Amino acid sequence: LLAALLKMNPLAKNLQIQKLAAKVNLAKAVASGNPIAITAAETRLLTIQQKQAQLDIRQKQVIVQSNLLLANAHSMGVRELQRSSRELDGYRSLFINSNFIKPGAAPRLAVRPDSTDMAPTYNLEENFEEKQALAHTWQYRLSLQPYWRSFITGNFSFEGSCAVTLKEENSKWIPKIRKAKS
């Protein structure tokens, strides 16, 4: 979806240029006092603004869809960590299990508009790979049940984290596994 949003940029830029030209033509028509020229210039400007409104809706749909997909993927990751944590419950005769999952917030599509106008061009935010990363951190602490402590000593602690983001390679966006931010 990121690629789809960025592919809309040339059209957005073209419409911005057309709108600017239409405003200049409208100003010239008003200065001339010619009602036919004024009507034609106003019609042209309204047509361009309507195209911008349609593009703006499509852009926002892509952004909302992307954010929903990111939120869903984030939730699936949390559920998977919880499932793997529950699998340790099968070893209760050996261990007292305590775990901690720090899901953090789901990322949002890390893009920013170039202006507040309707149908802007969108660019990647600075530190895109970090801001776009879907990350999870977890920790398991296992203590032996009292009976087993006479045979084996120690507490066992495992910490983990992972993140995945998007990286552009050869004009394609591919997933990239990266170190999670601590």
N, C-alpha and C. Protein backbone atom coordinates (compact mmCIF):
# COMPACT_ATOMS: atom_id res chain seq x y z
N LEU A 1 0.81 -1.20 0.00
CA LEU A 1 0.00 0.00 0.00
C LEU A 1 0.86 1.26 0.00
N LEU A 2 2.04 1.18 0.61
CA LEU A 2 2.94 2.34 0.60
C LEU A 2 3.28 2.71 -0.84
N ALA A 3 3.58 1.70 -1.65
CA ALA A 3 3.91 1.97 -3.05
C ALA A 3 2.73 2.61 -3.77
N ALA A 4 1.52 2.16 -3.47
CA ALA A 4 0.32 2.73 -4.10
C ALA A 4 0.17 4.21 -3.73
N LEU A 5 0.43 4.54 -2.47
CA LEU A 5 0.33 5.94 -2.05
C LEU A 5 1.38 6.79 -2.76
N LEU A 6 2.61 6.30 -2.81
CA LEU A 6 3.68 7.07 -3.43
C LEU A 6 3.48 7.20 -4.95
N LYS A 7 2.82 6.21 -5.55
CA LYS A 7 2.53 6.29 -7.00
C LYS A 7 1.52 7.39 -7.32
N MET A 8 0.78 7.83 -6.32
CA MET A 8 -0.18 8.92 -6.53
C MET A 8 0.50 10.29 -6.52
N ASN A 9 1.74 10.36 -6.09
CA ASN A 9 2.43 11.64 -5.99
C ASN A 9 2.53 12.41 -7.30
N PRO A 10 2.88 11.78 -8.43
CA PRO A 10 2.95 12.56 -9.67
C PRO A 10 1.61 13.21 -10.04
N LEU A 11 0.52 12.49 -9.84
CA LEU A 11 -0.80 13.07 -10.12
C LEU A 11 -1.08 14.22 -9.16
N ALA A 12 -0.75 14.05 -7.89
CA ALA A 12 -0.96 15.11 -6.91
C ALA A 12 -0.17 16.36 -7.29
N LYS A 13 1.07 16.18 -7.68
CA LYS A 13 1.92 17.31 -8.07
C LYS A 13 1.36 17.98 -9.33
N ASN A 14 0.94 17.17 -10.29
CA ASN A 14 0.37 17.70 -11.53
C ASN A 14 -0.88 18.53 -11.23
N LEU A 15 -1.73 18.03 -10.36
CA LEU A 15 -2.95 18.77 -10.00
C LEU A 15 -2.62 20.07 -9.26
N GLN A 16 -1.59 20.04 -8.44
CA GLN A 16 -1.17 21.27 -7.75
C GLN A 16 -0.73 22.33 -8.77
N ILE A 17 0.03 21.90 -9.76
CA ILE A 17 0.51 22.82 -10.80
C ILE A 17 -0.67 23.35 -11.62
N GLN A 18 -1.59 22.44 -11.98
CA GLN A 18 -2.77 22.85 -12.74
C GLN A 18 -3.62 23.85 -11.95
N LYS A 19 -3.75 23.61 -10.65
CA LYS A 19 -4.55 24.50 -9.81
C LYS A 19 -3.92 25.90 -9.75
N LEU A 20 -2.61 25.93 -9.61
CA LEU A 20 -1.92 27.22 -9.58
C LEU A 20 -2.13 27.98 -10.90
N ALA A 21 -1.99 27.25 -12.01
CA ALA A 21 -2.20 27.87 -13.33
C ALA A 21 -3.65 28.34 -13.48
N ALA A 22 -4.60 27.55 -12.98
CA ALA A 22 -6.01 27.93 -13.07
C ALA A 22 -6.30 29.17 -12.24
N LYS A 23 -5.65 29.30 -11.09
CA LYS A 23 -5.83 30.50 -10.27
C LYS A 23 -5.27 31.74 -10.97
N VAL A 24 -4.13 31.57 -11.63
CA VAL A 24 -3.54 32.68 -12.39
C VAL A 24 -4.48 33.08 -13.53
N ASN A 25 -5.01 32.08 -14.25
CA ASN A 25 -5.94 32.36 -15.35
C ASN A 25 -7.21 33.04 -14.85
N LEU A 26 -7.69 32.62 -13.68
CA LEU A 26 -8.88 33.25 -13.10
C LEU A 26 -8.60 34.71 -12.76
N ALA A 27 -7.44 34.97 -12.19
CA ALA A 27 -7.08 36.36 -11.86
C ALA A 27 -7.00 37.22 -13.12
N LYS A 28 -6.45 36.65 -14.19
CA LYS A 28 -6.37 37.38 -15.46
C LYS A 28 -7.77 37.64 -16.02
N ALA A 29 -8.63 36.62 -15.92
CA ALA A 29 -9.99 36.76 -16.44
C ALA A 29 -10.76 37.83 -15.66
N VAL A 30 -10.61 37.83 -14.34
CA VAL A 30 -11.28 38.83 -13.51
C VAL A 30 -10.76 40.22 -13.87
N ALA A 31 -9.45 40.33 -14.05
CA ALA A 31 -8.86 41.63 -14.41
C ALA A 31 -9.36 42.12 -15.77
N SER A 32 -9.64 41.17 -16.66
CA SER A 32 -10.13 41.56 -18.00
C SER A 32 -11.59 42.00 -17.97
N GLY A 33 -12.32 41.53 -16.97
CA GLY A 33 -13.74 41.87 -16.86
C GLY A 33 -14.62 41.10 -17.83
N ASN A 34 -14.08 40.13 -18.53
CA ASN A 34 -14.82 39.34 -19.51
C ASN A 34 -15.58 38.23 -18.78
N PRO A 35 -16.93 38.29 -18.73
CA PRO A 35 -17.71 37.29 -17.99
C PRO A 35 -17.54 35.86 -18.53
N ILE A 36 -17.39 35.71 -19.82
CA ILE A 36 -17.22 34.37 -20.40
C ILE A 36 -15.88 33.78 -19.96
N ALA A 37 -14.83 34.60 -19.99
CA ALA A 37 -13.50 34.15 -19.56
C ALA A 37 -13.50 33.83 -18.06
N ILE A 38 -14.20 34.64 -17.28
CA ILE A 38 -14.29 34.40 -15.83
C ILE A 38 -14.99 33.08 -15.55
N THR A 39 -16.11 32.85 -16.23
CA THR A 39 -16.86 31.59 -16.05
C THR A 39 -16.02 30.39 -16.45
N ALA A 40 -15.32 30.50 -17.58
CA ALA A 40 -14.47 29.39 -18.04
C ALA A 40 -13.34 29.12 -17.04
N ALA A 41 -12.73 30.19 -16.52
CA ALA A 41 -11.63 30.03 -15.57
C ALA A 41 -12.13 29.43 -14.25
N GLU A 42 -13.30 29.88 -13.80
CA GLU A 42 -13.88 29.33 -12.56
C GLU A 42 -14.21 27.85 -12.73
N THR A 43 -14.77 27.51 -13.89
CA THR A 43 -15.12 26.12 -14.18
C THR A 43 -13.87 25.24 -14.18
N ARG A 44 -12.81 25.73 -14.81
CA ARG A 44 -11.56 24.97 -14.86
C ARG A 44 -11.01 24.77 -13.44
N LEU A 45 -11.02 25.81 -12.63
CA LEU A 45 -10.52 25.71 -11.26
C LEU A 45 -11.36 24.72 -10.45
N LEU A 46 -12.68 24.78 -10.58
CA LEU A 46 -13.55 23.85 -9.86
C LEU A 46 -13.33 22.40 -10.30
N THR A 47 -13.10 22.20 -11.59
CA THR A 47 -12.83 20.85 -12.11
C THR A 47 -11.55 20.29 -11.49
N ILE A 48 -10.53 21.11 -11.42
CA ILE A 48 -9.26 20.67 -10.83
C ILE A 48 -9.44 20.38 -9.34
N GLN A 49 -10.16 21.24 -8.64
CA GLN A 49 -10.40 21.03 -7.21
C GLN A 49 -11.20 19.75 -6.96
N GLN A 50 -12.12 19.45 -7.86
CA GLN A 50 -12.89 18.20 -7.74
C GLN A 50 -11.96 16.99 -7.92
N LYS A 51 -11.07 17.06 -8.89
CA LYS A 51 -10.11 15.97 -9.09
C LYS A 51 -9.20 15.82 -7.87
N GLN A 52 -8.81 16.95 -7.28
CA GLN A 52 -7.99 16.90 -6.07
C GLN A 52 -8.76 16.26 -4.91
N ALA A 53 -10.03 16.58 -4.79
CA ALA A 53 -10.85 16.01 -3.72
C ALA A 53 -10.94 14.49 -3.88
N GLN A 54 -11.12 14.03 -5.11
CA GLN A 54 -11.19 12.58 -5.36
C GLN A 54 -9.85 11.91 -5.03
N LEU A 55 -8.76 12.54 -5.43
CA LEU A 55 -7.44 11.99 -5.13
C LEU A 55 -7.19 11.99 -3.62
N ASP A 56 -7.58 13.05 -2.96
CA ASP A 56 -7.40 13.16 -1.51
C ASP A 56 -8.10 12.01 -0.80
N ILE A 57 -9.31 11.69 -1.24
CA ILE A 57 -10.06 10.58 -0.65
C ILE A 57 -9.30 9.27 -0.87
N ARG A 58 -8.80 9.04 -2.08
CA ARG A 58 -8.05 7.81 -2.37
C ARG A 58 -6.78 7.73 -1.51
N GLN A 59 -6.07 8.85 -1.38
CA GLN A 59 -4.86 8.87 -0.56
C GLN A 59 -5.19 8.52 0.89
N LYS A 60 -6.21 9.13 1.42
CA LYS A 60 -6.58 8.89 2.82
C LYS A 60 -7.06 7.44 3.02
N GLN A 61 -7.74 6.88 2.02
CA GLN A 61 -8.17 5.48 2.11
C GLN A 61 -6.95 4.57 2.22
N VAL A 62 -5.93 4.83 1.42
CA VAL A 62 -4.72 4.01 1.46
C VAL A 62 -4.04 4.13 2.82
N ILE A 63 -3.98 5.34 3.35
CA ILE A 63 -3.34 5.54 4.66
C ILE A 63 -4.12 4.82 5.75
N VAL A 64 -5.44 4.94 5.74
CA VAL A 64 -6.27 4.26 6.75
C VAL A 64 -6.12 2.75 6.62
N GLN A 65 -6.16 2.23 5.39
CA GLN A 65 -5.99 0.79 5.17
C GLN A 65 -4.64 0.33 5.69
N SER A 66 -3.60 1.09 5.40
CA SER A 66 -2.25 0.74 5.86
C SER A 66 -2.19 0.69 7.38
N ASN A 67 -2.76 1.69 8.02
CA ASN A 67 -2.74 1.73 9.48
C ASN A 67 -3.54 0.58 10.09
N LEU A 68 -4.64 0.20 9.45
CA LEU A 68 -5.42 -0.95 9.93
C LEU A 68 -4.61 -2.24 9.79
N LEU A 69 -3.93 -2.40 8.66
CA LEU A 69 -3.10 -3.59 8.45
C LEU A 69 -1.95 -3.64 9.46
N LEU A 70 -1.33 -2.50 9.73
CA LEU A 70 -0.25 -2.46 10.72
C LEU A 70 -0.78 -2.81 12.11
N ALA A 71 -1.94 -2.27 12.47
CA ALA A 71 -2.53 -2.57 13.77
C ALA A 71 -2.88 -4.05 13.88
N ASN A 72 -3.41 -4.62 12.81
CA ASN A 72 -3.75 -6.04 12.80
C ASN A 72 -2.50 -6.90 12.93
N ALA A 73 -1.46 -6.57 12.19
CA ALA A 73 -0.21 -7.34 12.27
C ALA A 73 0.40 -7.23 13.66
N HIS A 74 0.31 -6.07 14.25
CA HIS A 74 0.83 -5.87 15.61
C HIS A 74 0.06 -6.74 16.60
N SER A 75 -1.25 -6.74 16.50
CA SER A 75 -2.09 -7.57 17.39
C SER A 75 -1.79 -9.05 17.21
N MET A 76 -1.59 -9.46 15.96
CA MET A 76 -1.27 -10.87 15.70
C MET A 76 0.05 -11.24 16.36
N GLY A 77 1.03 -10.35 16.32
CA GLY A 77 2.32 -10.60 16.97
C GLY A 77 2.17 -10.75 18.47
N VAL A 78 1.38 -9.89 19.08
CA VAL A 78 1.14 -9.98 20.53
C VAL A 78 0.45 -11.30 20.86
N ARG A 79 -0.56 -11.67 20.08
CA ARG A 79 -1.26 -12.95 20.33
C ARG A 79 -0.30 -14.14 20.19
N GLU A 80 0.59 -14.07 19.22
CA GLU A 80 1.54 -15.17 19.02
C GLU A 80 2.51 -15.26 20.20
N LEU A 81 2.96 -14.13 20.71
CA LEU A 81 3.82 -14.14 21.89
C LEU A 81 3.08 -14.70 23.11
N GLN A 82 1.82 -14.32 23.26
CA GLN A 82 1.02 -14.84 24.37
C GLN A 82 0.82 -16.34 24.23
N ARG A 83 0.60 -16.81 23.00
CA ARG A 83 0.43 -18.25 22.77
C ARG A 83 1.70 -19.00 23.14
N SER A 84 2.85 -18.49 22.71
CA SER A 84 4.10 -19.18 23.03
C SER A 84 4.38 -19.14 24.53
N SER A 85 3.95 -18.10 25.18
CA SER A 85 4.10 -18.00 26.64
C SER A 85 3.24 -19.06 27.33
N ARG A 86 2.03 -19.26 26.83
CA ARG A 86 1.14 -20.28 27.42
C ARG A 86 1.70 -21.69 27.24
N GLU A 87 2.49 -21.90 26.19
CA GLU A 87 3.08 -23.22 25.98
C GLU A 87 4.02 -23.60 27.12
N LEU A 88 4.61 -22.59 27.77
CA LEU A 88 5.48 -22.87 28.92
C LEU A 88 4.69 -23.39 30.11
N ASP A 89 3.39 -23.14 30.13
CA ASP A 89 2.56 -23.62 31.24
C ASP A 89 2.57 -25.14 31.32
N GLY A 90 2.90 -25.82 30.25
CA GLY A 90 2.97 -27.28 30.25
C GLY A 90 4.11 -27.81 31.10
N TYR A 91 4.99 -26.94 31.53
CA TYR A 91 6.14 -27.35 32.33
C TYR A 91 6.02 -26.88 33.78
N ARG A 92 4.80 -26.70 34.26
CA ARG A 92 4.58 -26.19 35.62
C ARG A 92 5.13 -27.11 36.69
N SER A 93 5.24 -28.40 36.40
CA SER A 93 5.80 -29.30 37.41
C SER A 93 7.28 -29.01 37.63
N LEU A 94 7.92 -28.37 36.66
CA LEU A 94 9.34 -28.02 36.79
C LEU A 94 9.56 -26.56 37.16
N PHE A 95 8.79 -25.69 36.53
CA PHE A 95 9.09 -24.26 36.63
C PHE A 95 7.92 -23.44 37.15
N ILE A 96 8.28 -22.37 37.81
CA ILE A 96 7.34 -21.29 38.09
C ILE A 96 7.62 -20.28 36.98
N ASN A 97 6.63 -20.03 36.20
CA ASN A 97 6.82 -19.21 35.00
C ASN A 97 6.30 -17.80 35.23
N SER A 98 7.12 -16.83 34.91
CA SER A 98 6.60 -15.47 34.86
C SER A 98 7.09 -14.86 33.56
N ASN A 99 6.22 -14.20 32.89
CA ASN A 99 6.62 -13.62 31.62
C ASN A 99 6.08 -12.21 31.50
N PHE A 100 6.70 -11.51 30.60
CA PHE A 100 6.34 -10.11 30.40
C PHE A 100 6.43 -9.84 28.90
N ILE A 101 5.35 -9.36 28.35
CA ILE A 101 5.33 -8.99 26.94
C ILE A 101 5.09 -7.49 26.88
N LYS A 102 5.99 -6.80 26.24
CA LYS A 102 5.86 -5.34 26.10
C LYS A 102 5.51 -5.05 24.65
N PRO A 103 4.22 -5.03 24.34
CA PRO A 103 3.84 -4.87 22.93
C PRO A 103 4.08 -3.47 22.37
N GLY A 104 4.06 -2.46 23.20
CA GLY A 104 4.21 -1.12 22.66
C GLY A 104 3.03 -0.76 21.77
N ALA A 105 3.14 0.34 21.11
CA ALA A 105 2.07 0.80 20.23
C ALA A 105 2.30 0.29 18.82
N ALA A 106 1.22 0.04 18.14
CA ALA A 106 1.32 -0.36 16.73
C ALA A 106 1.82 0.84 15.93
N PRO A 107 2.71 0.60 14.98
CA PRO A 107 3.19 1.73 14.18
C PRO A 107 2.10 2.21 13.23
N ARG A 108 2.29 3.42 12.75
CA ARG A 108 1.40 3.98 11.74
C ARG A 108 2.23 4.18 10.49
N LEU A 109 1.58 4.29 9.37
CA LEU A 109 2.30 4.51 8.12
C LEU A 109 3.13 5.79 8.27
N ALA A 110 4.43 5.66 8.16
CA ALA A 110 5.35 6.77 8.45
C ALA A 110 5.56 7.64 7.22
N VAL A 111 4.51 8.36 6.87
CA VAL A 111 4.57 9.31 5.75
C VAL A 111 4.05 10.65 6.24
N ARG A 112 4.44 11.70 5.55
CA ARG A 112 3.95 13.03 5.89
C ARG A 112 3.61 13.77 4.60
N PRO A 113 2.55 14.57 4.65
CA PRO A 113 2.18 15.36 3.47
C PRO A 113 3.13 16.55 3.31
N ASP A 114 3.31 17.00 2.07
CA ASP A 114 4.18 18.15 1.84
C ASP A 114 3.47 19.47 2.12
N SER A 115 2.16 19.43 2.30
CA SER A 115 1.40 20.64 2.60
C SER A 115 0.09 20.25 3.27
N THR A 116 -0.65 21.26 3.70
CA THR A 116 -1.96 20.99 4.30
C THR A 116 -3.06 21.07 3.26
N ASP A 117 -2.69 21.33 2.01
CA ASP A 117 -3.67 21.41 0.93
C ASP A 117 -4.31 20.06 0.67
N MET A 118 -5.39 20.09 -0.07
CA MET A 118 -6.06 18.87 -0.48
C MET A 118 -5.17 18.12 -1.47
N ALA A 119 -5.10 16.81 -1.36
CA ALA A 119 -4.33 15.94 -2.24
C ALA A 119 -2.86 16.36 -2.33
N PRO A 120 -2.17 16.36 -1.18
CA PRO A 120 -0.75 16.72 -1.21
C PRO A 120 0.08 15.55 -1.73
N THR A 121 1.35 15.79 -1.94
CA THR A 121 2.25 14.67 -2.20
C THR A 121 2.70 14.17 -0.82
N TYR A 122 2.95 12.88 -0.72
CA TYR A 122 3.38 12.28 0.53
C TYR A 122 4.83 11.83 0.40
N ASN A 123 5.58 12.08 1.46
CA ASN A 123 6.98 11.68 1.52
C ASN A 123 7.20 10.83 2.76
N LEU A 124 8.25 10.04 2.73
CA LEU A 124 8.59 9.24 3.90
C LEU A 124 9.05 10.16 5.01
N GLU A 125 8.68 9.84 6.23
CA GLU A 125 9.16 10.60 7.37
C GLU A 125 10.65 10.31 7.56
N GLU A 126 11.34 11.25 8.23
CA GLU A 126 12.73 10.99 8.57
C GLU A 126 12.77 9.78 9.48
N ASN A 127 13.84 9.01 9.38
CA ASN A 127 13.98 7.76 10.14
C ASN A 127 12.82 6.81 9.85
N PHE A 128 12.44 6.74 8.59
CA PHE A 128 11.30 5.94 8.17
C PHE A 128 11.40 4.50 8.68
N GLU A 129 12.56 3.86 8.48
CA GLU A 129 12.68 2.45 8.85
C GLU A 129 12.43 2.24 10.34
N GLU A 130 12.87 3.17 11.16
CA GLU A 130 12.65 3.04 12.60
C GLU A 130 11.20 3.31 12.96
N LYS A 131 10.63 4.38 12.41
CA LYS A 131 9.25 4.75 12.75
C LYS A 131 8.25 3.73 12.20
N GLN A 132 8.57 3.11 11.08
CA GLN A 132 7.67 2.17 10.43
C GLN A 132 7.75 0.78 11.05
N ALA A 133 8.78 0.54 11.86
CA ALA A 133 9.04 -0.81 12.37
C ALA A 133 7.89 -1.33 13.24
N LEU A 134 7.56 -2.57 12.98
CA LEU A 134 6.60 -3.32 13.78
C LEU A 134 7.45 -4.11 14.77
N ALA A 135 7.44 -3.73 16.05
CA ALA A 135 8.39 -4.29 17.02
C ALA A 135 7.68 -4.88 18.23
N HIS A 136 8.33 -5.90 18.79
CA HIS A 136 7.85 -6.53 20.02
C HIS A 136 9.04 -6.84 20.92
N THR A 137 8.81 -6.75 22.21
CA THR A 137 9.82 -7.10 23.21
C THR A 137 9.15 -8.01 24.23
N TRP A 138 9.88 -9.00 24.68
CA TRP A 138 9.31 -9.93 25.64
C TRP A 138 10.40 -10.44 26.58
N GLN A 139 9.96 -11.04 27.68
CA GLN A 139 10.89 -11.57 28.66
C GLN A 139 10.21 -12.75 29.36
N TYR A 140 10.98 -13.82 29.53
CA TYR A 140 10.51 -14.97 30.28
C TYR A 140 11.44 -15.16 31.46
N ARG A 141 10.85 -15.43 32.62
CA ARG A 141 11.65 -15.76 33.80
C ARG A 141 11.12 -17.09 34.32
N LEU A 142 12.01 -18.01 34.42
CA LEU A 142 11.64 -19.34 34.90
C LEU A 142 12.40 -19.62 36.19
N SER A 143 11.69 -19.96 37.22
CA SER A 143 12.29 -20.38 38.48
C SER A 143 11.89 -21.83 38.70
N LEU A 144 12.80 -22.58 39.23
CA LEU A 144 12.49 -23.99 39.50
C LEU A 144 11.48 -24.10 40.63
N GLN A 145 10.63 -25.09 40.53
CA GLN A 145 9.71 -25.39 41.62
C GLN A 145 10.56 -25.78 42.84
N PRO A 146 10.07 -25.51 44.04
CA PRO A 146 10.88 -25.76 45.25
C PRO A 146 11.46 -27.18 45.32
N TYR A 147 10.72 -28.17 44.90
CA TYR A 147 11.21 -29.55 44.97
C TYR A 147 12.50 -29.73 44.17
N TRP A 148 12.58 -29.13 43.00
CA TRP A 148 13.73 -29.32 42.10
C TRP A 148 14.94 -28.49 42.50
N ARG A 149 14.76 -27.51 43.36
CA ARG A 149 15.88 -26.62 43.74
C ARG A 149 16.98 -27.35 44.50
N SER A 150 16.65 -28.48 45.11
CA SER A 150 17.70 -29.23 45.81
C SER A 150 18.61 -29.95 44.81
N PHE A 151 18.15 -30.15 43.58
CA PHE A 151 18.95 -30.83 42.56
C PHE A 151 19.62 -29.85 41.59
N ILE A 152 18.90 -28.81 41.26
CA ILE A 152 19.38 -27.85 40.26
C ILE A 152 19.20 -26.45 40.84
N THR A 153 20.19 -25.64 40.69
CA THR A 153 20.06 -24.27 41.19
C THR A 153 20.00 -23.31 40.01
N GLY A 154 19.42 -22.17 40.28
CA GLY A 154 19.43 -21.12 39.27
C GLY A 154 18.05 -20.67 38.85
N ASN A 155 18.05 -19.48 38.38
CA ASN A 155 16.87 -18.91 37.75
C ASN A 155 17.23 -18.69 36.29
N PHE A 156 16.27 -18.80 35.45
CA PHE A 156 16.54 -18.69 34.02
C PHE A 156 15.72 -17.53 33.46
N SER A 157 16.41 -16.68 32.80
CA SER A 157 15.75 -15.49 32.25
C SER A 157 16.09 -15.38 30.77
N PHE A 158 15.08 -15.16 29.98
CA PHE A 158 15.27 -15.01 28.54
C PHE A 158 14.60 -13.72 28.11
N GLU A 159 15.33 -12.91 27.41
CA GLU A 159 14.77 -11.68 26.88
C GLU A 159 14.90 -11.71 25.36
N GLY A 160 13.94 -11.16 24.72
CA GLY A 160 14.00 -11.12 23.27
C GLY A 160 13.28 -9.90 22.72
N SER A 161 13.64 -9.57 21.53
CA SER A 161 12.95 -8.49 20.83
C SER A 161 13.19 -8.68 19.34
N CYS A 162 12.26 -8.21 18.58
CA CYS A 162 12.42 -8.27 17.13
C CYS A 162 11.60 -7.14 16.51
N ALA A 163 11.98 -6.81 15.31
CA ALA A 163 11.25 -5.77 14.58
C ALA A 163 11.37 -6.05 13.10
N VAL A 164 10.36 -5.63 12.38
CA VAL A 164 10.39 -5.73 10.92
C VAL A 164 9.92 -4.39 10.38
N THR A 165 10.55 -3.96 9.31
CA THR A 165 10.20 -2.69 8.69
C THR A 165 10.21 -2.87 7.18
N LEU A 166 10.07 -1.79 6.47
CA LEU A 166 10.12 -1.82 5.01
C LEU A 166 11.36 -1.09 4.53
N LYS A 167 11.94 -1.62 3.46
CA LYS A 167 13.11 -0.99 2.86
C LYS A 167 12.92 -1.00 1.35
N GLU A 168 13.30 0.10 0.72
CA GLU A 168 13.17 0.17 -0.73
C GLU A 168 14.42 -0.42 -1.37
N GLU A 169 14.19 -1.38 -2.26
CA GLU A 169 15.27 -1.99 -3.03
C GLU A 169 14.80 -2.16 -4.46
N ASN A 170 15.54 -1.61 -5.38
CA ASN A 170 15.21 -1.71 -6.81
C ASN A 170 13.77 -1.29 -7.08
N SER A 171 13.38 -0.18 -6.50
CA SER A 171 12.04 0.40 -6.68
C SER A 171 10.92 -0.47 -6.14
N LYS A 172 11.24 -1.40 -5.24
CA LYS A 172 10.23 -2.24 -4.60
C LYS A 172 10.42 -2.14 -3.09
N TRP A 173 9.32 -2.25 -2.38
CA TRP A 173 9.36 -2.23 -0.93
C TRP A 173 9.37 -3.65 -0.42
N ILE A 174 10.42 -3.99 0.33
CA ILE A 174 10.55 -5.35 0.84
C ILE A 174 10.65 -5.32 2.37
N PRO A 175 10.16 -6.37 3.03
CA PRO A 175 10.29 -6.43 4.49
C PRO A 175 11.76 -6.61 4.87
N LYS A 176 12.14 -5.99 5.95
CA LYS A 176 13.51 -6.09 6.44
C LYS A 176 13.46 -6.32 7.95
N ILE A 177 14.09 -7.40 8.39
CA ILE A 177 14.17 -7.67 9.82
C ILE A 177 15.29 -6.80 10.38
N ARG A 178 15.00 -6.17 11.50
CA ARG A 178 16.00 -5.29 12.10
C ARG A 178 15.96 -5.44 13.61
N LYS A 179 16.96 -4.89 14.24
CA LYS A 179 17.02 -4.93 15.70
C LYS A 179 15.93 -4.02 16.26
N ALA A 180 15.23 -4.52 17.25
CA ALA A 180 14.18 -3.71 17.88
C ALA A 180 14.82 -2.64 18.74
N LYS A 181 14.16 -1.52 18.79
CA LYS A 181 14.63 -0.41 19.62
C LYS A 181 14.39 -0.78 21.08
N SER A 182 15.40 -0.67 21.90
CA SER A 182 15.27 -1.05 23.31
C SER A 182 14.54 0.01 24.10
